[in-house]
Amino acid sequence: MLDLFNTYRGDVQHIASVLLALAIWRWGAAPERWSIAIFVAAMVVPVRLFEWLGNGSLVFGSLAWIYVTIDLLAGAAFVAVALNANRNYPLWIAGFQLVAISAHAVKGLVDTVSPIAYLILASGPSYCQLALIFAGFARHVTRTRQFGPYRDWRSSTPGAQWPSL
């Protein structure tokens, strides 16, 4: 059973991501849409593109710098969403992306890193991110049904109204 899970876990994650993206596009608000769009663009599209083009491994090999670049761009985008969204869960998503980025930093700084440890730290957070996006979307739908519409983004940065010294 575990072998079956390990064989298809990436495919299941990608299918779940696309299905969640479709649901969010229909019933979600802007932070949910941005979060799932970043997730699909960074975690699903590059993997499938490399698989279809037959360019080898995205994680290991001469093109691994593309994987690192995609994670860095996704990290910046997740942090931007987290700082502007009127939600709490994007902060967790950005935090998990920073864990993945730190795995790339460790691999770059240390001579030998266990491939399984690197894979767990670099791609493992994506499962938590997908679960958080789903939970945030479910919470948004519940809150909208219970209390009605509410704003998607913060109106201003905290402390912006305070006089400067």
C-alpha atoms as a PDB file:
ATOM      1  CA  MET A   1       0.000   0.000   0.000  1.00  0.00           C
ATOM      2  CA  LEU A   2       2.844   2.370   0.835  1.00  0.00           C
ATOM      3  CA  ASP A   3       4.473   1.659  -2.529  1.00  0.00           C
ATOM      4  CA  LEU A   4       1.210   2.543  -4.271  1.00  0.00           C
ATOM      5  CA  PHE A   5       1.045   5.792  -2.310  1.00  0.00           C
ATOM      6  CA  ASN A   6       4.656   6.706  -3.121  1.00  0.00           C
ATOM      7  CA  THR A   7       4.173   5.909  -6.801  1.00  0.00           C
ATOM      8  CA  TYR A   8       1.197   8.212  -7.297  1.00  0.00           C
ATOM      9  CA  ARG A   9       1.524  10.859  -4.562  1.00  0.00           C
ATOM     10  CA  GLY A  10       2.845  13.521  -6.943  1.00  0.00           C
ATOM     11  CA  ASP A  11       0.098  12.850  -9.465  1.00  0.00           C
ATOM     12  CA  VAL A  12      -2.553  12.961  -6.742  1.00  0.00           C
ATOM     13  CA  GLN A  13      -1.158  16.253  -5.449  1.00  0.00           C
ATOM     14  CA  HIS A  14      -1.230  17.773  -8.924  1.00  0.00           C
ATOM     15  CA  ILE A  15      -4.777  16.599  -9.625  1.00  0.00           C
ATOM     16  CA  ALA A  16      -5.919  17.885  -6.219  1.00  0.00           C
ATOM     17  CA  SER A  17      -4.212  21.223  -6.948  1.00  0.00           C
ATOM     18  CA  VAL A  18      -6.013  21.665 -10.243  1.00  0.00           C
ATOM     19  CA  LEU A  19      -9.382  20.654  -8.772  1.00  0.00           C
ATOM     20  CA  LEU A  20      -8.870  23.048  -5.869  1.00  0.00           C
ATOM     21  CA  ALA A  21      -7.869  25.791  -8.321  1.00  0.00           C
ATOM     22  CA  LEU A  22     -11.107  25.300 -10.231  1.00  0.00           C
ATOM     23  CA  ALA A  23     -13.169  25.477  -7.015  1.00  0.00           C
ATOM     24  CA  ILE A  24     -11.290  28.541  -5.810  1.00  0.00           C
ATOM     25  CA  TRP A  25     -11.711  30.258  -9.151  1.00  0.00           C
ATOM     26  CA  ARG A  26     -15.483  29.749  -8.796  1.00  0.00           C
ATOM     27  CA  TRP A  27     -16.059  30.471  -5.088  1.00  0.00           C
ATOM     28  CA  GLY A  28     -12.832  31.967  -3.742  1.00  0.00           C
ATOM     29  CA  ALA A  29     -11.711  35.541  -3.315  1.00  0.00           C
ATOM     30  CA  ALA A  30      -8.534  37.285  -4.462  1.00  0.00           C
ATOM     31  CA  PRO A  31      -6.082  35.978  -1.790  1.00  0.00           C
ATOM     32  CA  GLU A  32      -7.226  32.411  -2.361  1.00  0.00           C
ATOM     33  CA  ARG A  33      -6.948  32.833  -6.133  1.00  0.00           C
ATOM     34  CA  TRP A  34      -3.469  34.323  -5.908  1.00  0.00           C
ATOM     35  CA  SER A  35      -2.314  31.601  -3.512  1.00  0.00           C
ATOM     36  CA  ILE A  36      -3.494  28.716  -5.672  1.00  0.00           C
ATOM     37  CA  ALA A  37      -2.251  30.405  -8.854  1.00  0.00           C
ATOM     38  CA  ILE A  38       1.229  30.767  -7.372  1.00  0.00           C
ATOM     39  CA  PHE A  39       1.091  27.189  -6.117  1.00  0.00           C
ATOM     40  CA  VAL A  40       0.071  25.722  -9.472  1.00  0.00           C
ATOM     41  CA  ALA A  41       2.553  27.912 -11.369  1.00  0.00           C
ATOM     42  CA  ALA A  42       5.439  26.928  -9.094  1.00  0.00           C
ATOM     43  CA  MET A  43       4.669  23.368  -8.000  1.00  0.00           C
ATOM     44  CA  VAL A  44       2.662  21.776 -10.813  1.00  0.00           C
ATOM     45  CA  VAL A  45       3.456  23.422 -14.152  1.00  0.00           C
ATOM     46  CA  PRO A  46       7.295  23.148 -14.021  1.00  0.00           C
ATOM     47  CA  VAL A  47       7.223  19.501 -12.943  1.00  0.00           C
ATOM     48  CA  ARG A  48       4.762  18.531 -15.668  1.00  0.00           C
ATOM     49  CA  LEU A  49       6.588  20.631 -18.253  1.00  0.00           C
ATOM     50  CA  PHE A  50       9.917  18.936 -17.513  1.00  0.00           C
ATOM     51  CA  GLU A  51       8.203  15.559 -17.550  1.00  0.00           C
ATOM     52  CA  TRP A  52       6.532  16.180 -20.914  1.00  0.00           C
ATOM     53  CA  LEU A  53       9.635  17.676 -22.533  1.00  0.00           C
ATOM     54  CA  GLY A  54      11.845  14.869 -21.242  1.00  0.00           C
ATOM     55  CA  ASN A  55      14.483  17.231 -19.851  1.00  0.00           C
ATOM     56  CA  GLY A  56      15.351  14.909 -16.984  1.00  0.00           C
ATOM     57  CA  SER A  57      15.026  15.700 -13.317  1.00  0.00           C
ATOM     58  CA  LEU A  58      13.996  19.176 -12.286  1.00  0.00           C
ATOM     59  CA  VAL A  59      15.408  18.681  -8.776  1.00  0.00           C
ATOM     60  CA  PHE A  60      18.794  17.150  -9.542  1.00  0.00           C
ATOM     61  CA  GLY A  61      21.096  17.639 -12.488  1.00  0.00           C
ATOM     62  CA  SER A  62      22.348  20.536 -14.553  1.00  0.00           C
ATOM     63  CA  LEU A  63      18.953  22.285 -14.631  1.00  0.00           C
ATOM     64  CA  ALA A  64      18.406  22.266 -10.857  1.00  0.00           C
ATOM     65  CA  TRP A  65      19.006  26.029 -10.789  1.00  0.00           C
ATOM     66  CA  ILE A  66      15.606  26.409 -12.475  1.00  0.00           C
ATOM     67  CA  TYR A  67      13.986  24.617  -9.522  1.00  0.00           C
ATOM     68  CA  VAL A  68      15.742  26.939  -7.063  1.00  0.00           C
ATOM     69  CA  THR A  69      14.758  30.026  -9.071  1.00  0.00           C
ATOM     70  CA  ILE A  70      11.120  28.939  -9.215  1.00  0.00           C
ATOM     71  CA  ASP A  71      11.080  28.385  -5.451  1.00  0.00           C
ATOM     72  CA  LEU A  72      12.637  31.810  -4.835  1.00  0.00           C
ATOM     73  CA  LEU A  73      10.078  33.541  -7.054  1.00  0.00           C
ATOM     74  CA  ALA A  74       7.246  31.591  -5.418  1.00  0.00           C
ATOM     75  CA  GLY A  75       8.604  32.571  -2.010  1.00  0.00           C
ATOM     76  CA  ALA A  76       8.589  36.257  -2.910  1.00  0.00           C
ATOM     77  CA  ALA A  77       5.059  35.968  -4.309  1.00  0.00           C
ATOM     78  CA  PHE A  78       3.750  34.068  -1.262  1.00  0.00           C
ATOM     79  CA  VAL A  79       5.294  36.665   1.069  1.00  0.00           C
ATOM     80  CA  ALA A  80       3.693  39.489  -0.933  1.00  0.00           C
ATOM     81  CA  VAL A  81       0.283  37.827  -0.688  1.00  0.00           C
ATOM     82  CA  ALA A  82       0.784  37.115   3.022  1.00  0.00           C
ATOM     83  CA  LEU A  83       1.680  40.713   3.831  1.00  0.00           C
ATOM     84  CA  ASN A  84      -1.283  42.177   1.961  1.00  0.00           C
ATOM     85  CA  ALA A  85      -4.078  39.629   2.441  1.00  0.00           C
ATOM     86  CA  ASN A  86      -6.774  40.110   5.034  1.00  0.00           C
ATOM     87  CA  ARG A  87      -6.237  36.487   6.089  1.00  0.00           C
ATOM     88  CA  ASN A  88      -3.892  34.642   8.442  1.00  0.00           C
ATOM     89  CA  TYR A  89      -3.244  31.407   6.558  1.00  0.00           C
ATOM     90  CA  PRO A  90      -1.063  33.002   3.807  1.00  0.00           C
ATOM     91  CA  LEU A  91       1.536  33.702   6.491  1.00  0.00           C
ATOM     92  CA  TRP A  92       1.816  29.956   7.099  1.00  0.00           C
ATOM     93  CA  ILE A  93       2.030  29.257   3.377  1.00  0.00           C
ATOM     94  CA  ALA A  94       4.873  31.765   3.030  1.00  0.00           C
ATOM     95  CA  GLY A  95       6.595  30.211   6.047  1.00  0.00           C
ATOM     96  CA  PHE A  96       6.506  26.762   4.501  1.00  0.00           C
ATOM     97  CA  GLN A  97       7.939  28.198   1.284  1.00  0.00           C
ATOM     98  CA  LEU A  98      10.792  29.667   3.296  1.00  0.00           C
ATOM     99  CA  VAL A  99      11.495  26.158   4.624  1.00  0.00           C
ATOM    100  CA  ALA A 100      11.800  24.924   1.032  1.00  0.00           C
ATOM    101  CA  ILE A 101      14.106  27.825   0.173  1.00  0.00           C
ATOM    102  CA  SER A 102      16.281  27.077   3.193  1.00  0.00           C
ATOM    103  CA  ALA A 103      16.655  23.492   1.946  1.00  0.00           C
ATOM    104  CA  HIS A 104      18.177  24.866  -1.267  1.00  0.00           C
ATOM    105  CA  ALA A 105      20.504  27.059   0.794  1.00  0.00           C
ATOM    106  CA  VAL A 106      21.644  24.083   2.869  1.00  0.00           C
ATOM    107  CA  LYS A 107      22.282  22.037  -0.266  1.00  0.00           C
ATOM    108  CA  GLY A 108      24.348  24.884  -1.677  1.00  0.00           C
ATOM    109  CA  LEU A 109      26.394  25.396   1.480  1.00  0.00           C
ATOM    110  CA  VAL A 110      27.050  21.820   2.567  1.00  0.00           C
ATOM    111  CA  ASP A 111      29.271  19.439   0.611  1.00  0.00           C
ATOM    112  CA  THR A 112      27.097  16.342   0.874  1.00  0.00           C
ATOM    113  CA  VAL A 113      23.404  16.281   1.632  1.00  0.00           C
ATOM    114  CA  SER A 114      21.268  13.180   1.709  1.00  0.00           C
ATOM    115  CA  PRO A 115      19.053  13.245  -1.396  1.00  0.00           C
ATOM    116  CA  ILE A 116      16.022  12.006   0.561  1.00  0.00           C
ATOM    117  CA  ALA A 117      16.493  14.676   3.236  1.00  0.00           C
ATOM    118  CA  TYR A 118      16.803  17.341   0.552  1.00  0.00           C
ATOM    119  CA  LEU A 119      13.673  16.134  -1.237  1.00  0.00           C
ATOM    120  CA  ILE A 120      11.690  16.054   2.000  1.00  0.00           C
ATOM    121  CA  LEU A 121      12.730  19.597   2.919  1.00  0.00           C
ATOM    122  CA  ALA A 122      12.419  21.027  -0.596  1.00  0.00           C
ATOM    123  CA  SER A 123       9.155  19.449  -1.757  1.00  0.00           C
ATOM    124  CA  GLY A 124       7.559  18.311   1.506  1.00  0.00           C
ATOM    125  CA  PRO A 125       6.272  21.769   2.460  1.00  0.00           C
ATOM    126  CA  SER A 126       4.151  21.842  -0.702  1.00  0.00           C
ATOM    127  CA  TYR A 127       1.809  19.244   0.803  1.00  0.00           C
ATOM    128  CA  CYS A 128       1.299  21.457   3.857  1.00  0.00           C
ATOM    129  CA  GLN A 129       0.811  24.490   1.612  1.00  0.00           C
ATOM    130  CA  LEU A 130      -1.874  22.721  -0.388  1.00  0.00           C
ATOM    131  CA  ALA A 131      -3.647  21.703   2.826  1.00  0.00           C
ATOM    132  CA  LEU A 132      -3.453  25.296   4.091  1.00  0.00           C
ATOM    133  CA  ILE A 133      -4.840  26.694   0.842  1.00  0.00           C
ATOM    134  CA  PHE A 134      -7.724  24.233   1.074  1.00  0.00           C
ATOM    135  CA  ALA A 135      -8.361  25.111   4.741  1.00  0.00           C
ATOM    136  CA  GLY A 136      -8.200  28.840   4.005  1.00  0.00           C
ATOM    137  CA  PHE A 137     -10.599  28.434   1.094  1.00  0.00           C
ATOM    138  CA  ALA A 138     -13.012  26.387   3.229  1.00  0.00           C
ATOM    139  CA  ARG A 139     -12.822  29.006   5.975  1.00  0.00           C
ATOM    140  CA  HIS A 140     -13.468  31.790   3.462  1.00  0.00           C
ATOM    141  CA  VAL A 141     -16.537  30.030   2.069  1.00  0.00           C
ATOM    142  CA  THR A 142     -17.866  29.357   5.585  1.00  0.00           C
ATOM    143  CA  ARG A 143     -17.244  32.935   6.715  1.00  0.00           C
ATOM    144  CA  THR A 144     -18.855  34.404   3.595  1.00  0.00           C
ATOM    145  CA  ARG A 145     -21.966  32.277   4.046  1.00  0.00           C
ATOM    146  CA  GLN A 146     -22.192  33.078   7.734  1.00  0.00           C
ATOM    147  CA  PHE A 147     -21.387  36.808   7.788  1.00  0.00           C
ATOM    148  CA  GLY A 148     -21.495  37.991   4.185  1.00  0.00           C
ATOM    149  CA  PRO A 149     -18.736  39.512   2.087  1.00  0.00           C
ATOM    150  CA  TYR A 150     -15.639  41.002   3.659  1.00  0.00           C
ATOM    151  CA  ARG A 151     -12.553  42.698   2.244  1.00  0.00           C
ATOM    152  CA  ASP A 152      -9.831  40.651   0.597  1.00  0.00           C
ATOM    153  CA  TRP A 153      -6.821  42.873   1.257  1.00  0.00           C
ATOM    154  CA  ARG A 154      -5.653  44.987   4.164  1.00  0.00           C
ATOM    155  CA  SER A 155      -6.595  48.612   3.690  1.00  0.00           C
ATOM    156  CA  SER A 156      -3.254  49.975   4.875  1.00  0.00           C
ATOM    157  CA  THR A 157      -0.102  48.910   6.633  1.00  0.00           C
ATOM    158  CA  PRO A 158      -0.220  48.848  10.438  1.00  0.00           C
ATOM    159  CA  GLY A 159       1.031  52.053  11.935  1.00  0.00           C
ATOM    160  CA  ALA A 160       0.764  54.057   8.719  1.00  0.00           C
ATOM    161  CA  GLN A 161      -1.684  56.443  10.381  1.00  0.00           C
ATOM    162  CA  TRP A 162       0.705  57.222  13.229  1.00  0.00           C
ATOM    163  CA  PRO A 163       2.652  60.463  12.994  1.00  0.00           C
ATOM    164  CA  SER A 164       6.333  59.992  12.229  1.00  0.00           C
ATOM    165  CA  LEU A 165       8.922  61.232  14.686  1.00  0.00           C
END
